[in-house]
Amino acid sequence: LLLRSNVMTGILEFAMGIEKEGMDYYKHLANTSVGKDVASIFTFLSEEEKRHYEIFAALRNNADVPPLEDFAILSRAPQVFKGLADHFETYGVPATHYYNAYEKALRFEEKSVSYYSDALTKIMDAAKKDILAKIIDQEKTHVQFITGLLEFLRHPGEWLENAEWVHTDEF
């Protein structure tokens, strides 16, 4: 039983580190983004990572877990990308600057999904498994959104032709 407890503590502490890294990185992206639409998304993502951190900390400490709300970031995507398209030429910052930053964010989110999916197989407690599964779903949504940002930067003129934003169907 102690071994399982130590494994669980290790998983949760590592997850807290992942979330802290993401929170700090998204805060940096929000502060350095030229467009307010993108900055607001990265502020939102930073807050999401903060909530995940707080949930993992509560689980580690056997405390009450804060609510795991779903804020449906993808529902805001069309508005964000429209704002980006409307102002893409006026920001004056090379697309490659954003591309590299978003690519790093994507790798971070993919790492989270991979680690949490692996951790899910090691957790025995059904309630904790359920919480982790919900966090994995939210992280997958982050992957999806950032993938959309990268697609937009590759083809800003063509990207908005699809008003339904069907790029989100894969998750």
Protein backbone atom coordinates (compact mmCIF):
# COMPACT_ATOMS: atom_id res chain seq x y z
CA LEU A 1 0.00 0.00 0.00
CA LEU A 2 2.85 2.39 0.82
CA LEU A 3 4.43 1.66 -2.57
CA ARG A 4 1.19 2.56 -4.34
CA SER A 5 1.00 5.73 -2.27
CA ASN A 6 4.56 6.69 -3.21
CA VAL A 7 3.88 5.98 -6.89
CA MET A 8 0.74 8.12 -6.75
CA THR A 9 2.59 10.94 -4.97
CA GLY A 10 5.34 10.81 -7.59
CA ILE A 11 2.82 10.91 -10.43
CA LEU A 12 1.03 13.88 -8.91
CA GLU A 13 4.20 15.82 -8.16
CA PHE A 14 5.49 15.27 -11.70
CA ALA A 15 2.09 16.36 -13.06
CA MET A 16 2.26 19.49 -10.91
CA GLY A 17 5.65 20.28 -12.45
CA ILE A 18 4.25 19.86 -15.96
CA GLU A 19 1.34 22.16 -15.19
CA LYS A 20 3.58 24.79 -13.57
CA GLU A 21 5.83 24.79 -16.63
CA GLY A 22 2.82 25.21 -18.90
CA MET A 23 1.30 27.93 -16.73
CA ASP A 24 4.52 29.94 -16.82
CA TYR A 25 5.03 29.44 -20.56
CA TYR A 26 1.48 30.47 -21.45
CA LYS A 27 1.77 33.50 -19.20
CA HIS A 28 4.94 34.45 -21.11
CA LEU A 29 3.16 33.97 -24.47
CA ALA A 30 0.22 36.07 -23.29
CA ASN A 31 2.56 38.88 -22.24
CA THR A 32 4.52 38.83 -25.50
CA SER A 33 1.70 38.26 -28.02
CA VAL A 34 1.03 41.24 -30.22
CA GLY A 35 -2.66 40.56 -30.81
CA LYS A 36 -5.12 40.80 -27.96
CA ASP A 37 -7.10 37.81 -29.29
CA VAL A 38 -4.12 35.50 -29.02
CA ALA A 39 -2.98 37.03 -25.73
CA SER A 40 -6.40 36.33 -24.21
CA ILE A 41 -6.24 32.71 -25.33
CA PHE A 42 -2.82 32.24 -23.75
CA THR A 43 -4.04 33.90 -20.55
CA PHE A 44 -6.92 31.43 -20.60
CA LEU A 45 -4.55 28.48 -21.18
CA SER A 46 -2.33 29.67 -18.33
CA GLU A 47 -5.37 29.69 -16.05
CA GLU A 48 -6.32 26.19 -17.25
CA GLU A 49 -2.85 24.92 -16.35
CA LYS A 50 -3.13 26.65 -12.97
CA ARG A 51 -6.44 24.87 -12.30
CA HIS A 52 -4.88 21.54 -13.25
CA TYR A 53 -1.94 22.27 -10.91
CA GLU A 54 -4.36 23.02 -8.06
CA ILE A 55 -6.28 19.80 -8.74
CA PHE A 56 -3.11 17.70 -8.71
CA ALA A 57 -1.95 19.44 -5.51
CA ALA A 58 -5.30 18.73 -3.83
CA LEU A 59 -5.12 15.07 -4.88
CA ARG A 60 -1.56 14.81 -3.55
CA ASN A 61 -2.61 16.35 -0.23
CA ASN A 62 -5.82 14.30 0.01
CA ALA A 63 -7.76 17.58 0.13
CA ASP A 64 -11.00 18.61 -1.53
CA VAL A 65 -10.48 18.81 -5.28
CA PRO A 66 -11.43 22.12 -6.94
CA PRO A 67 -14.11 21.77 -9.63
CA LEU A 68 -12.89 20.68 -13.04
CA GLU A 69 -14.95 22.90 -15.28
CA ASP A 70 -14.91 22.69 -19.05
CA PHE A 71 -14.70 26.14 -20.58
CA ALA A 72 -14.94 24.97 -24.22
CA ILE A 73 -11.96 26.79 -25.66
CA LEU A 74 -12.81 25.46 -29.11
CA SER A 75 -16.07 27.37 -29.14
CA ARG A 76 -14.01 30.59 -29.02
CA ALA A 77 -11.67 29.45 -31.81
CA PRO A 78 -13.53 30.90 -34.82
CA GLN A 79 -13.63 34.35 -33.18
CA VAL A 80 -9.94 34.22 -32.30
CA PHE A 81 -8.90 33.15 -35.79
CA LYS A 82 -11.11 35.77 -37.41
CA GLY A 83 -9.43 38.42 -35.27
CA LEU A 84 -6.04 37.08 -36.23
CA ALA A 85 -6.92 37.10 -39.92
CA ASP A 86 -8.29 40.63 -39.75
CA HIS A 87 -5.07 41.95 -38.20
CA PHE A 88 -2.47 39.49 -39.46
CA GLU A 89 -0.74 41.97 -41.75
CA THR A 90 -0.76 44.86 -39.25
CA TYR A 91 1.00 43.14 -36.35
CA GLY A 92 4.38 43.44 -38.05
CA VAL A 93 5.84 40.37 -36.34
CA PRO A 94 7.10 37.55 -38.55
CA ALA A 95 4.89 34.46 -38.54
CA THR A 96 7.93 32.32 -37.75
CA HIS A 97 8.24 34.06 -34.38
CA TYR A 98 4.77 32.87 -33.43
CA TYR A 99 5.18 29.54 -35.15
CA ASN A 100 8.18 28.52 -33.03
CA ALA A 101 6.46 29.59 -29.82
CA TYR A 102 3.25 27.73 -30.67
CA GLU A 103 5.20 24.67 -31.77
CA LYS A 104 6.89 24.59 -28.36
CA ALA A 105 3.48 24.92 -26.69
CA LEU A 106 2.17 22.04 -28.82
CA ARG A 107 5.07 19.80 -27.77
CA PHE A 108 4.37 20.70 -24.16
CA GLU A 109 0.67 19.79 -24.46
CA GLU A 110 1.44 16.55 -26.29
CA LYS A 111 3.90 15.65 -23.51
CA SER A 112 1.15 16.26 -20.96
CA VAL A 113 -1.32 14.02 -22.79
CA SER A 114 1.27 11.26 -23.14
CA TYR A 115 2.39 11.37 -19.51
CA TYR A 116 -1.14 11.58 -18.11
CA SER A 117 -2.35 8.75 -20.36
CA ASP A 118 0.48 6.56 -19.09
CA ALA A 119 -0.20 7.60 -15.48
CA LEU A 120 -3.87 6.69 -15.94
CA THR A 121 -2.86 3.03 -16.29
CA LYS A 122 -1.05 3.14 -12.93
CA ILE A 123 -3.79 4.71 -10.84
CA MET A 124 -6.13 2.35 -9.01
CA ASP A 125 -8.53 4.83 -7.41
CA ALA A 126 -11.60 5.22 -9.67
CA ALA A 127 -12.32 8.82 -8.63
CA LYS A 128 -8.74 9.89 -9.31
CA LYS A 129 -8.80 8.06 -12.66
CA ASP A 130 -11.95 9.95 -13.61
CA ILE A 131 -10.39 13.31 -12.74
CA LEU A 132 -7.24 12.50 -14.68
CA ALA A 133 -9.28 11.36 -17.69
CA LYS A 134 -11.07 14.72 -17.71
CA ILE A 135 -7.76 16.58 -17.51
CA ILE A 136 -6.47 14.48 -20.42
CA ASP A 137 -9.53 15.53 -22.45
CA GLN A 138 -8.84 19.18 -21.67
CA GLU A 139 -5.17 18.80 -22.62
CA LYS A 140 -6.23 17.18 -25.91
CA THR A 141 -8.40 20.22 -26.55
CA HIS A 142 -5.36 22.43 -25.95
CA VAL A 143 -3.43 20.31 -28.49
CA GLN A 144 -6.25 20.79 -30.97
CA PHE A 145 -6.39 24.54 -30.51
CA ILE A 146 -2.63 25.03 -30.80
CA THR A 147 -2.57 22.79 -33.87
CA GLY A 148 -5.13 25.19 -35.34
CA LEU A 149 -2.87 28.14 -34.57
CA LEU A 150 -0.01 26.43 -36.38
CA GLU A 151 -2.25 25.66 -39.37
CA PHE A 152 -3.34 29.26 -39.45
CA LEU A 153 0.24 30.51 -39.47
CA ARG A 154 1.11 28.17 -42.34
CA HIS A 155 -1.85 29.32 -44.47
CA PRO A 156 -3.49 32.44 -43.00
CA GLY A 157 -5.36 33.35 -46.17
CA GLU A 158 -6.79 29.90 -46.78
CA TRP A 159 -7.39 28.83 -43.23
CA LEU A 160 -10.57 30.80 -42.58
CA GLU A 161 -12.30 29.52 -45.71
CA ASN A 162 -13.80 26.86 -43.51
CA ALA A 163 -16.22 28.83 -41.35
CA GLU A 164 -17.25 25.72 -39.42
CA TRP A 165 -13.66 25.15 -38.22
CA VAL A 166 -13.92 21.41 -38.94
CA HIS A 167 -10.26 21.08 -38.02
CA THR A 168 -11.55 20.30 -34.52
CA ASP A 169 -13.35 17.08 -35.43
CA GLU A 170 -10.46 14.72 -34.79
CA PHE A 171 -10.82 14.71 -30.98
